[in-house]
Amino acid sequence: MSSKFAKGDKVFAKVKGYPYWPATITNITWNDNNKPKYHVIYFGTQETGTVTDKDTCMYSEYKHIHGTQKTENFKNTKINKALKEAEDDEMLKASTMTGNISLQYELEE
């Protein structure tokens, strides 16, 4: 069985009544129809949930659509926090990768 996403992928997950929310896939299980169910942990709230293929899209591909900060009001505070955490996570991974490349280069010299 194969799935669109892998464990550890950063995605936007859609749950009824909420905007697309940044999350990380923590596990993949299969339903009775052999379709993947993605277990996720949401940025900002650290809550967990389960979503399907149709309610999930890759963070990096849809960041320009779903990843923009909302106008500041009480209702948008949580999504804005989640978007900032997801972006900070992205920058941390990028700097870690750059650091690893620099370290590897120094070791090879």
PDB file of N, CA and C in Angstrom:
ATOM      1  N   MET A   1       0.844  -1.181   0.000  1.00  0.00           N
ATOM      2  CA  MET A   1       0.000   0.000   0.000  1.00  0.00           C
ATOM      3  C   MET A   1       0.889   1.243   0.000  1.00  0.00           C
ATOM      4  N   SER A   2       0.467   2.220  -0.765  1.00  0.00           N
ATOM      5  CA  SER A   2       1.233   3.463  -0.795  1.00  0.00           C
ATOM      6  C   SER A   2       0.323   4.642  -0.466  1.00  0.00           C
ATOM      7  N   SER A   3       0.964   5.740  -0.086  1.00  0.00           N
ATOM      8  CA  SER A   3       0.208   6.935   0.265  1.00  0.00           C
ATOM      9  C   SER A   3       0.890   8.157  -0.340  1.00  0.00           C
ATOM     10  N   LYS A   4       0.135   9.250  -0.440  1.00  0.00           N
ATOM     11  CA  LYS A   4       0.651  10.506  -0.984  1.00  0.00           C
ATOM     12  C   LYS A   4       1.704  11.126  -0.086  1.00  0.00           C
ATOM     13  N   PHE A   5       1.596  10.899   1.200  1.00  0.00           N
ATOM     14  CA  PHE A   5       2.457  11.546   2.180  1.00  0.00           C
ATOM     15  C   PHE A   5       3.188  10.501   3.008  1.00  0.00           C
ATOM     16  N   ALA A   6       4.236  10.954   3.682  1.00  0.00           N
ATOM     17  CA  ALA A   6       5.028  10.059   4.526  1.00  0.00           C
ATOM     18  C   ALA A   6       5.048  10.578   5.963  1.00  0.00           C
ATOM     19  N   LYS A   7       5.369   9.690   6.867  1.00  0.00           N
ATOM     20  CA  LYS A   7       5.519  10.066   8.270  1.00  0.00           C
ATOM     21  C   LYS A   7       6.582  11.162   8.351  1.00  0.00           C
ATOM     22  N   GLY A   8       6.270  12.229   9.094  1.00  0.00           N
ATOM     23  CA  GLY A   8       7.199  13.344   9.230  1.00  0.00           C
ATOM     24  C   GLY A   8       6.951  14.487   8.268  1.00  0.00           C
ATOM     25  N   ASP A   9       6.120  14.276   7.238  1.00  0.00           N
ATOM     26  CA  ASP A   9       5.810  15.352   6.289  1.00  0.00           C
ATOM     27  C   ASP A   9       5.049  16.472   6.979  1.00  0.00           C
ATOM     28  N   LYS A  10       5.379  17.701   6.592  1.00  0.00           N
ATOM     29  CA  LYS A  10       4.619  18.856   7.077  1.00  0.00           C
ATOM     30  C   LYS A  10       3.540  19.130   6.041  1.00  0.00           C
ATOM     31  N   VAL A  11       2.290  19.247   6.511  1.00  0.00           N
ATOM     32  CA  VAL A  11       1.135  19.388   5.623  1.00  0.00           C
ATOM     33  C   VAL A  11       0.196  20.478   6.141  1.00  0.00           C
ATOM     34  N   PHE A  12      -0.782  20.807   5.311  1.00  0.00           N
ATOM     35  CA  PHE A  12      -1.946  21.551   5.767  1.00  0.00           C
ATOM     36  C   PHE A  12      -3.072  20.533   5.838  1.00  0.00           C
ATOM     37  N   ALA A  13      -3.765  20.480   6.958  1.00  0.00           N
ATOM     38  CA  ALA A  13      -4.871  19.544   7.152  1.00  0.00           C
ATOM     39  C   ALA A  13      -6.160  20.334   7.343  1.00  0.00           C
ATOM     40  N   LYS A  14      -7.221  19.883   6.690  1.00  0.00           N
ATOM     41  CA  LYS A  14      -8.515  20.565   6.765  1.00  0.00           C
ATOM     42  C   LYS A  14      -9.459  19.764   7.641  1.00  0.00           C
ATOM     43  N   VAL A  15     -10.006  20.441   8.638  1.00  0.00           N
ATOM     44  CA  VAL A  15     -11.019  19.860   9.512  1.00  0.00           C
ATOM     45  C   VAL A  15     -12.235  20.765   9.429  1.00  0.00           C
ATOM     46  N   LYS A  16     -13.410  20.170   9.356  1.00  0.00           N
ATOM     47  CA  LYS A  16     -14.646  20.941   9.217  1.00  0.00           C
ATOM     48  C   LYS A  16     -14.742  22.034  10.289  1.00  0.00           C
ATOM     49  N   GLY A  17     -15.050  23.228   9.834  1.00  0.00           N
ATOM     50  CA  GLY A  17     -15.216  24.348  10.753  1.00  0.00           C
ATOM     51  C   GLY A  17     -13.944  25.140  11.026  1.00  0.00           C
ATOM     52  N   TYR A  18     -12.819  24.697  10.477  1.00  0.00           N
ATOM     53  CA  TYR A  18     -11.531  25.365  10.678  1.00  0.00           C
ATOM     54  C   TYR A  18     -10.873  25.609   9.328  1.00  0.00           C
ATOM     55  N   PRO A  19      -9.969  26.594   9.262  1.00  0.00           N
ATOM     56  CA  PRO A  19      -9.208  26.771   8.021  1.00  0.00           C
ATOM     57  C   PRO A  19      -8.177  25.647   7.895  1.00  0.00           C
ATOM     58  N   TYR A  20      -7.544  25.542   6.726  1.00  0.00           N
ATOM     59  CA  TYR A  20      -6.430  24.603   6.598  1.00  0.00           C
ATOM     60  C   TYR A  20      -5.417  24.956   7.679  1.00  0.00           C
ATOM     61  N   TRP A  21      -4.966  23.931   8.410  1.00  0.00           N
ATOM     62  CA  TRP A  21      -4.125  24.150   9.579  1.00  0.00           C
ATOM     63  C   TRP A  21      -2.796  23.421   9.387  1.00  0.00           C
ATOM     64  N   PRO A  22      -1.650  24.054   9.675  1.00  0.00           N
ATOM     65  CA  PRO A  22      -0.376  23.354   9.516  1.00  0.00           C
ATOM     66  C   PRO A  22      -0.219  22.242  10.554  1.00  0.00           C
ATOM     67  N   ALA A  23       0.312  21.120  10.080  1.00  0.00           N
ATOM     68  CA  ALA A  23       0.451  19.942  10.940  1.00  0.00           C
ATOM     69  C   ALA A  23       1.607  19.083  10.443  1.00  0.00           C
ATOM     70  N   THR A  24       2.012  18.142  11.275  1.00  0.00           N
ATOM     71  CA  THR A  24       3.023  17.162  10.900  1.00  0.00           C
ATOM     72  C   THR A  24       2.402  15.776  10.995  1.00  0.00           C
ATOM     73  N   ILE A  25       2.653  14.947   9.987  1.00  0.00           N
ATOM     74  CA  ILE A  25       2.140  13.573  10.003  1.00  0.00           C
ATOM     75  C   ILE A  25       2.989  12.747  10.964  1.00  0.00           C
ATOM     76  N   THR A  26       2.327  12.128  11.927  1.00  0.00           N
ATOM     77  CA  THR A  26       3.031  11.332  12.934  1.00  0.00           C
ATOM     78  C   THR A  26       2.915   9.830  12.689  1.00  0.00           C
ATOM     79  N   ASN A  27       1.883   9.430  11.941  1.00  0.00           N
ATOM     80  CA  ASN A  27       1.667   8.006  11.673  1.00  0.00           C
ATOM     81  C   ASN A  27       0.686   7.869  10.517  1.00  0.00           C
ATOM     82  N   ILE A  28       0.719   6.729   9.861  1.00  0.00           N
ATOM     83  CA  ILE A  28      -0.222   6.437   8.779  1.00  0.00           C
ATOM     84  C   ILE A  28      -0.826   5.068   9.045  1.00  0.00           C
ATOM     85  N   THR A  29      -2.147   5.004   9.037  1.00  0.00           N
ATOM     86  CA  THR A  29      -2.851   3.728   9.147  1.00  0.00           C
ATOM     87  C   THR A  29      -3.747   3.601   7.923  1.00  0.00           C
ATOM     88  N   TRP A  30      -4.359   2.448   7.776  1.00  0.00           N
ATOM     89  CA  TRP A  30      -5.182   2.191   6.589  1.00  0.00           C
ATOM     90  C   TRP A  30      -6.588   1.812   7.025  1.00  0.00           C
ATOM     91  N   ASN A  31      -7.583   2.379   6.341  1.00  0.00           N
ATOM     92  CA  ASN A  31      -8.963   2.032   6.677  1.00  0.00           C
ATOM     93  C   ASN A  31      -9.357   0.737   5.969  1.00  0.00           C
ATOM     94  N   ASP A  32     -10.603   0.326   6.112  1.00  0.00           N
ATOM     95  CA  ASP A  32     -11.073  -0.937   5.535  1.00  0.00           C
ATOM     96  C   ASP A  32     -11.020  -0.946   4.011  1.00  0.00           C
ATOM     97  N   ASN A  33     -11.040   0.229   3.383  1.00  0.00           N
ATOM     98  CA  ASN A  33     -10.972   0.328   1.919  1.00  0.00           C
ATOM     99  C   ASN A  33      -9.538   0.505   1.429  1.00  0.00           C
ATOM    100  N   ASN A  34      -8.576   0.211   2.282  1.00  0.00           N
ATOM    101  CA  ASN A  34      -7.156   0.368   1.965  1.00  0.00           C
ATOM    102  C   ASN A  34      -6.780   1.788   1.572  1.00  0.00           C
ATOM    103  N   LYS A  35      -7.437   2.763   2.184  1.00  0.00           N
ATOM    104  CA  LYS A  35      -7.094   4.169   1.963  1.00  0.00           C
ATOM    105  C   LYS A  35      -6.372   4.675   3.206  1.00  0.00           C
ATOM    106  N   PRO A  36      -5.346   5.517   2.996  1.00  0.00           N
ATOM    107  CA  PRO A  36      -4.570   5.979   4.151  1.00  0.00           C
ATOM    108  C   PRO A  36      -5.331   6.961   5.035  1.00  0.00           C
ATOM    109  N   LYS A  37      -5.072   6.845   6.325  1.00  0.00           N
ATOM    110  CA  LYS A  37      -5.542   7.822   7.318  1.00  0.00           C
ATOM    111  C   LYS A  37      -4.282   8.381   7.957  1.00  0.00           C
ATOM    112  N   TYR A  38      -4.161   9.705   7.918  1.00  0.00           N
ATOM    113  CA  TYR A  38      -2.964  10.356   8.436  1.00  0.00           C
ATOM    114  C   TYR A  38      -3.217  10.869   9.847  1.00  0.00           C
ATOM    115  N   HIS A  39      -2.412  10.418  10.765  1.00  0.00           N
ATOM    116  CA  HIS A  39      -2.474  10.906  12.141  1.00  0.00           C
ATOM    117  C   HIS A  39      -1.527  12.100  12.198  1.00  0.00           C
ATOM    118  N   VAL A  40      -2.039  13.232  12.660  1.00  0.00           N
ATOM    119  CA  VAL A  40      -1.259  14.468  12.639  1.00  0.00           C
ATOM    120  C   VAL A  40      -1.225  15.123  14.013  1.00  0.00           C
ATOM    121  N   ILE A  41      -0.222  15.974  14.200  1.00  0.00           N
ATOM    122  CA  ILE A  41      -0.170  16.866  15.353  1.00  0.00           C
ATOM    123  C   ILE A  41      -0.142  18.278  14.778  1.00  0.00           C
ATOM    124  N   TYR A  42      -1.046  19.097  15.279  1.00  0.00           N
ATOM    125  CA  TYR A  42      -1.225  20.442  14.736  1.00  0.00           C
ATOM    126  C   TYR A  42      -0.276  21.441  15.383  1.00  0.00           C
ATOM    127  N   PHE A  43       0.323  22.281  14.550  1.00  0.00           N
ATOM    128  CA  PHE A  43       1.133  23.382  15.066  1.00  0.00           C
ATOM    129  C   PHE A  43       0.222  24.340  15.826  1.00  0.00           C
ATOM    130  N   GLY A  44       0.771  24.987  16.827  1.00  0.00           N
ATOM    131  CA  GLY A  44       0.024  25.996  17.578  1.00  0.00           C
ATOM    132  C   GLY A  44      -0.733  25.444  18.764  1.00  0.00           C
ATOM    133  N   THR A  45      -1.459  24.345  18.561  1.00  0.00           N
ATOM    134  CA  THR A  45      -2.277  23.783  19.637  1.00  0.00           C
ATOM    135  C   THR A  45      -1.699  22.492  20.199  1.00  0.00           C
ATOM    136  N   GLN A  46      -0.869  21.812  19.421  1.00  0.00           N
ATOM    137  CA  GLN A  46      -0.303  20.500  19.764  1.00  0.00           C
ATOM    138  C   GLN A  46      -1.386  19.442  19.918  1.00  0.00           C
ATOM    139  N   GLU A  47      -2.581  19.722  19.403  1.00  0.00           N
ATOM    140  CA  GLU A  47      -3.643  18.716  19.406  1.00  0.00           C
ATOM    141  C   GLU A  47      -3.355  17.711  18.304  1.00  0.00           C
ATOM    142  N   THR A  48      -3.957  16.539  18.431  1.00  0.00           N
ATOM    143  CA  THR A  48      -3.779  15.505  17.419  1.00  0.00           C
ATOM    144  C   THR A  48      -5.102  15.233  16.729  1.00  0.00           C
ATOM    145  N   GLY A  49      -5.011  14.659  15.549  1.00  0.00           N
ATOM    146  CA  GLY A  49      -6.214  14.328  14.801  1.00  0.00           C
ATOM    147  C   GLY A  49      -5.888  13.360  13.684  1.00  0.00           C
ATOM    148  N   THR A  50      -6.906  12.990  12.942  1.00  0.00           N
ATOM    149  CA  THR A  50      -6.769  12.084  11.814  1.00  0.00           C
ATOM    150  C   THR A  50      -7.449  12.708  10.610  1.00  0.00           C
ATOM    151  N   VAL A  51      -6.756  12.701   9.468  1.00  0.00           N
ATOM    152  CA  VAL A  51      -7.306  13.261   8.234  1.00  0.00           C
ATOM    153  C   VAL A  51      -7.055  12.303   7.076  1.00  0.00           C
ATOM    154  N   THR A  52      -7.773  12.530   5.983  1.00  0.00           N
ATOM    155  CA  THR A  52      -7.647  11.688   4.795  1.00  0.00           C
ATOM    156  C   THR A  52      -6.905  12.446   3.693  1.00  0.00           C
ATOM    157  N   ASP A  53      -6.626  11.759   2.588  1.00  0.00           N
ATOM    158  CA  ASP A  53      -5.966  12.379   1.434  1.00  0.00           C
ATOM    159  C   ASP A  53      -6.673  13.647   0.978  1.00  0.00           C
ATOM    160  N   LYS A  54      -8.000  13.576   0.878  1.00  0.00           N
ATOM    161  CA  LYS A  54      -8.745  14.712   0.317  1.00  0.00           C
ATOM    162  C   LYS A  54      -8.715  15.942   1.216  1.00  0.00           C
ATOM    163  N   ASP A  55      -8.372  15.772   2.482  1.00  0.00           N
ATOM    164  CA  ASP A  55      -8.326  16.887   3.428  1.00  0.00           C
ATOM    165  C   ASP A  55      -6.898  17.305   3.766  1.00  0.00           C
ATOM    166  N   THR A  56      -5.942  16.885   2.939  1.00  0.00           N
ATOM    167  CA  THR A  56      -4.539  17.114   3.242  1.00  0.00           C
ATOM    168  C   THR A  56      -3.796  17.590   1.999  1.00  0.00           C
ATOM    169  N   CYS A  57      -2.906  18.569   2.176  1.00  0.00           N
ATOM    170  CA  CYS A  57      -2.036  19.001   1.080  1.00  0.00           C
ATOM    171  C   CYS A  57      -0.654  19.331   1.641  1.00  0.00           C
ATOM    172  N   MET A  58       0.360  19.211   0.798  1.00  0.00           N
ATOM    173  CA  MET A  58       1.740  19.424   1.219  1.00  0.00           C
ATOM    174  C   MET A  58       1.970  20.884   1.609  1.00  0.00           C
ATOM    175  N   TYR A  59       2.569  21.098   2.756  1.00  0.00           N
ATOM    176  CA  TYR A  59       2.813  22.447   3.281  1.00  0.00           C
ATOM    177  C   TYR A  59       3.592  23.302   2.280  1.00  0.00           C
ATOM    178  N   SER A  60       4.696  22.771   1.778  1.00  0.00           N
ATOM    179  CA  SER A  60       5.569  23.567   0.910  1.00  0.00           C
ATOM    180  C   SER A  60       4.882  23.987  -0.384  1.00  0.00           C
ATOM    181  N   GLU A  61       3.988  23.167  -0.904  1.00  0.00           N
ATOM    182  CA  GLU A  61       3.307  23.478  -2.160  1.00  0.00           C
ATOM    183  C   GLU A  61       2.147  24.455  -1.982  1.00  0.00           C
ATOM    184  N   TYR A  62       1.550  24.506  -0.813  1.00  0.00           N
ATOM    185  CA  TYR A  62       0.356  25.334  -0.600  1.00  0.00           C
ATOM    186  C   TYR A  62       0.570  26.451   0.421  1.00  0.00           C
ATOM    187  N   LYS A  63       1.830  26.666   0.821  1.00  0.00           N
ATOM    188  CA  LYS A  63       2.126  27.705   1.809  1.00  0.00           C
ATOM    189  C   LYS A  63       1.665  29.076   1.320  1.00  0.00           C
ATOM    190  N   HIS A  64       1.813  29.337   0.025  1.00  0.00           N
ATOM    191  CA  HIS A  64       1.412  30.643  -0.518  1.00  0.00           C
ATOM    192  C   HIS A  64      -0.103  30.836  -0.504  1.00  0.00           C
ATOM    193  N   ILE A  65      -0.863  29.766  -0.408  1.00  0.00           N
ATOM    194  CA  ILE A  65      -2.331  29.855  -0.374  1.00  0.00           C
ATOM    195  C   ILE A  65      -2.849  29.832   1.064  1.00  0.00           C
ATOM    196  N   HIS A  66      -2.450  28.819   1.818  1.00  0.00           N
ATOM    197  CA  HIS A  66      -2.989  28.620   3.172  1.00  0.00           C
ATOM    198  C   HIS A  66      -2.094  29.177   4.276  1.00  0.00           C
ATOM    199  N   GLY A  67      -0.889  29.629   3.939  1.00  0.00           N
ATOM    200  CA  GLY A  67       0.077  30.009   4.959  1.00  0.00           C
ATOM    201  C   GLY A  67       0.203  31.487   5.254  1.00  0.00           C
ATOM    202  N   THR A  68      -0.748  32.290   4.806  1.00  0.00           N
ATOM    203  CA  THR A  68      -0.650  33.724   5.076  1.00  0.00           C
ATOM    204  C   THR A  68      -1.338  34.064   6.392  1.00  0.00           C
ATOM    205  N   GLN A  69      -0.707  34.959   7.148  1.00  0.00           N
ATOM    206  CA  GLN A  69      -1.263  35.390   8.431  1.00  0.00           C
ATOM    207  C   GLN A  69      -2.626  36.049   8.219  1.00  0.00           C
ATOM    208  N   LYS A  70      -3.522  35.815   9.134  1.00  0.00           N
ATOM    209  CA  LYS A  70      -4.865  36.402   9.091  1.00  0.00           C
ATOM    210  C   LYS A  70      -4.853  37.727   9.853  1.00  0.00           C
ATOM    211  N   THR A  71      -5.847  38.581   9.586  1.00  0.00           N
ATOM    212  CA  THR A  71      -5.929  39.839  10.326  1.00  0.00           C
ATOM    213  C   THR A  71      -6.049  39.537  11.811  1.00  0.00           C
ATOM    214  N   GLU A  72      -5.421  40.347  12.611  1.00  0.00           N
ATOM    215  CA  GLU A  72      -5.382  40.106  14.055  1.00  0.00           C
ATOM    216  C   GLU A  72      -6.739  40.354  14.700  1.00  0.00           C
ATOM    217  N   ASN A  73      -7.334  39.332  15.192  1.00  0.00           N
ATOM    218  CA  ASN A  73      -8.505  39.421  16.060  1.00  0.00           C
ATOM    219  C   ASN A  73      -8.535  38.151  16.897  1.00  0.00           C
ATOM    220  N   PHE A  74      -9.399  38.086  17.840  1.00  0.00           N
ATOM    221  CA  PHE A  74      -9.435  36.951  18.768  1.00  0.00           C
ATOM    222  C   PHE A  74      -9.540  35.614  18.031  1.00  0.00           C
ATOM    223  N   LYS A  75     -10.388  35.564  17.027  1.00  0.00           N
ATOM    224  CA  LYS A  75     -10.642  34.314  16.313  1.00  0.00           C
ATOM    225  C   LYS A  75      -9.401  33.813  15.563  1.00  0.00           C
ATOM    226  N   ASN A  76      -8.573  34.734  15.074  1.00  0.00           N
ATOM    227  CA  ASN A  76      -7.429  34.347  14.259  1.00  0.00           C
ATOM    228  C   ASN A  76      -6.133  34.162  15.042  1.00  0.00           C
ATOM    229  N   THR A  77      -6.137  34.427  16.327  1.00  0.00           N
ATOM    230  CA  THR A  77      -4.920  34.340  17.125  1.00  0.00           C
ATOM    231  C   THR A  77      -4.303  32.944  17.065  1.00  0.00           C
ATOM    232  N   LYS A  78      -5.109  31.898  17.181  1.00  0.00           N
ATOM    233  CA  LYS A  78      -4.587  30.526  17.200  1.00  0.00           C
ATOM    234  C   LYS A  78      -4.004  30.114  15.854  1.00  0.00           C
ATOM    235  N   ILE A  79      -4.691  30.442  14.758  1.00  0.00           N
ATOM    236  CA  ILE A  79      -4.156  30.060  13.440  1.00  0.00           C
ATOM    237  C   ILE A  79      -2.881  30.842  13.151  1.00  0.00           C
ATOM    238  N   ASN A  80      -2.827  32.099  13.540  1.00  0.00           N
ATOM    239  CA  ASN A  80      -1.608  32.882  13.321  1.00  0.00           C
ATOM    240  C   ASN A  80      -0.434  32.304  14.110  1.00  0.00           C
ATOM    241  N   LYS A  81      -0.701  31.854  15.340  1.00  0.00           N
ATOM    242  CA  LYS A  81       0.342  31.215  16.148  1.00  0.00           C
ATOM    243  C   LYS A  81       0.815  29.931  15.465  1.00  0.00           C
ATOM    244  N   ALA A  82      -0.125  29.152  14.954  1.00  0.00           N
ATOM    245  CA  ALA A  82       0.210  27.897  14.281  1.00  0.00           C
ATOM    246  C   ALA A  82       1.042  28.158  13.028  1.00  0.00           C
ATOM    247  N   LEU A  83       0.653  29.160  12.242  1.00  0.00           N
ATOM    248  CA  LEU A  83       1.395  29.492  11.025  1.00  0.00           C
ATOM    249  C   LEU A  83       2.812  29.945  11.365  1.00  0.00           C
ATOM    250  N   LYS A  84       2.960  30.713  12.433  1.00  0.00           N
ATOM    251  CA  LYS A  84       4.299  31.171  12.843  1.00  0.00           C
ATOM    252  C   LYS A  84       5.147  29.987  13.296  1.00  0.00           C
ATOM    253  N   GLU A  85       4.574  29.078  14.078  1.00  0.00           N
ATOM    254  CA  GLU A  85       5.320  27.890  14.522  1.00  0.00           C
ATOM    255  C   GLU A  85       5.765  27.050  13.333  1.00  0.00           C
ATOM    256  N   ALA A  86       4.880  26.884  12.359  1.00  0.00           N
ATOM    257  CA  ALA A  86       5.213  26.091  11.173  1.00  0.00           C
ATOM    258  C   ALA A  86       6.344  26.750  10.394  1.00  0.00           C
ATOM    259  N   GLU A  87       6.297  28.064  10.268  1.00  0.00           N
ATOM    260  CA  GLU A  87       7.341  28.795   9.552  1.00  0.00           C
ATOM    261  C   GLU A  87       8.659  28.742  10.321  1.00  0.00           C
ATOM    262  N   ASP A  88       8.603  28.895  11.642  1.00  0.00           N
ATOM    263  CA  ASP A  88       9.814  28.797  12.464  1.00  0.00           C
ATOM    264  C   ASP A  88      10.430  27.410  12.342  1.00  0.00           C
ATOM    265  N   ASP A  89       9.593  26.376  12.288  1.00  0.00           N
ATOM    266  CA  ASP A  89      10.055  25.003  12.120  1.00  0.00           C
ATOM    267  C   ASP A  89      10.761  24.856  10.775  1.00  0.00           C
ATOM    268  N   GLU A  90      10.209  25.479   9.742  1.00  0.00           N
ATOM    269  CA  GLU A  90      10.794  25.445   8.402  1.00  0.00           C
ATOM    270  C   GLU A  90      12.181  26.095   8.416  1.00  0.00           C
ATOM    271  N   MET A  91      12.297  27.242   9.070  1.00  0.00           N
ATOM    272  CA  MET A  91      13.582  27.945   9.125  1.00  0.00           C
ATOM    273  C   MET A  91      14.595  27.169   9.956  1.00  0.00           C
ATOM    274  N   LEU A  92      14.144  26.526  11.027  1.00  0.00           N
ATOM    275  CA  LEU A  92      15.035  25.724  11.858  1.00  0.00           C
ATOM    276  C   LEU A  92      15.595  24.557  11.054  1.00  0.00           C
ATOM    277  N   LYS A  93      14.732  23.880  10.298  1.00  0.00           N
ATOM    278  CA  LYS A  93      15.197  22.759   9.477  1.00  0.00           C
ATOM    279  C   LYS A  93      16.190  23.235   8.429  1.00  0.00           C
ATOM    280  N   ALA A  94      15.918  24.383   7.801  1.00  0.00           N
ATOM    281  CA  ALA A  94      16.810  24.920   6.776  1.00  0.00           C
ATOM    282  C   ALA A  94      18.166  25.279   7.376  1.00  0.00           C
ATOM    283  N   SER A  95      18.179  25.912   8.540  1.00  0.00           N
ATOM    284  CA  SER A  95      19.452  26.298   9.154  1.00  0.00           C
ATOM    285  C   SER A  95      20.210  25.067   9.638  1.00  0.00           C
ATOM    286  N   THR A  96      19.498  24.055  10.098  1.00  0.00           N
ATOM    287  CA  THR A  96      20.140  22.815  10.528  1.00  0.00           C
ATOM    288  C   THR A  96      20.793  22.131   9.339  1.00  0.00           C
ATOM    289  N   MET A  97      20.074  22.101   8.204  1.00  0.00           N
ATOM    290  CA  MET A  97      20.635  21.489   7.002  1.00  0.00           C
ATOM    291  C   MET A  97      21.860  22.270   6.540  1.00  0.00           C
ATOM    292  N   THR A  98      21.801  23.579   6.545  1.00  0.00           N
ATOM    293  CA  THR A  98      22.932  24.409   6.142  1.00  0.00           C
ATOM    294  C   THR A  98      24.106  24.168   7.077  1.00  0.00           C
ATOM    295  N   GLY A  99      23.827  24.082   8.374  1.00  0.00           N
ATOM    296  CA  GLY A  99      24.877  23.801   9.346  1.00  0.00           C
ATOM    297  C   GLY A  99      25.529  22.457   9.102  1.00  0.00           C
ATOM    298  N   ASN A 100      24.726  21.459   8.759  1.00  0.00           N
ATOM    299  CA  ASN A 100      25.269  20.132   8.479  1.00  0.00           C
ATOM    300  C   ASN A 100      26.145  20.158   7.239  1.00  0.00           C
ATOM    301  N   ILE A 101      25.742  20.900   6.230  1.00  0.00           N
ATOM    302  CA  ILE A 101      26.529  20.997   5.003  1.00  0.00           C
ATOM    303  C   ILE A 101      27.850  21.700   5.302  1.00  0.00           C
ATOM    304  N   SER A 102      27.808  22.796   6.076  1.00  0.00           N
ATOM    305  CA  SER A 102      29.023  23.530   6.431  1.00  0.00           C
ATOM    306  C   SER A 102      29.970  22.641   7.224  1.00  0.00           C
ATOM    307  N   LEU A 103      29.438  21.914   8.186  1.00  0.00           N
ATOM    308  CA  LEU A 103      30.252  21.037   9.007  1.00  0.00           C
ATOM    309  C   LEU A 103      30.888  19.955   8.149  1.00  0.00           C
ATOM    310  N   GLN A 104      30.114  19.367   7.242  1.00  0.00           N
ATOM    311  CA  GLN A 104      30.630  18.324   6.368  1.00  0.00           C
ATOM    312  C   GLN A 104      31.751  18.890   5.507  1.00  0.00           C
ATOM    313  N   TYR A 105      31.575  20.092   4.978  1.00  0.00           N
ATOM    314  CA  TYR A 105      32.581  20.726   4.134  1.00  0.00           C
ATOM    315  C   TYR A 105      33.868  20.941   4.922  1.00  0.00           C
ATOM    316  N   GLU A 106      33.751  21.428   6.164  1.00  0.00           N
ATOM    317  CA  GLU A 106      34.928  21.662   6.998  1.00  0.00           C
ATOM    318  C   GLU A 106      35.654  20.355   7.300  1.00  0.00           C
ATOM    319  N   LEU A 107      34.907  19.279   7.508  1.00  0.00           N
ATOM    320  CA  LEU A 107      35.524  17.993   7.809  1.00  0.00           C
ATOM    321  C   LEU A 107      36.257  17.427   6.602  1.00  0.00           C
ATOM    322  N   GLU A 108      35.758  17.720   5.393  1.00  0.00           N
ATOM    323  CA  GLU A 108      36.361  17.181   4.182  1.00  0.00           C
ATOM    324  C   GLU A 108      37.631  17.916   3.789  1.00  0.00           C
ATOM    325  N   GLU A 109      37.809  19.158   4.240  1.00  0.00           N
ATOM    326  CA  GLU A 109      38.982  19.952   3.837  1.00  0.00           C
ATOM    327  C   GLU A 109      40.267  19.396   4.367  1.00  0.00           C
TER     328      GLU A 109
END
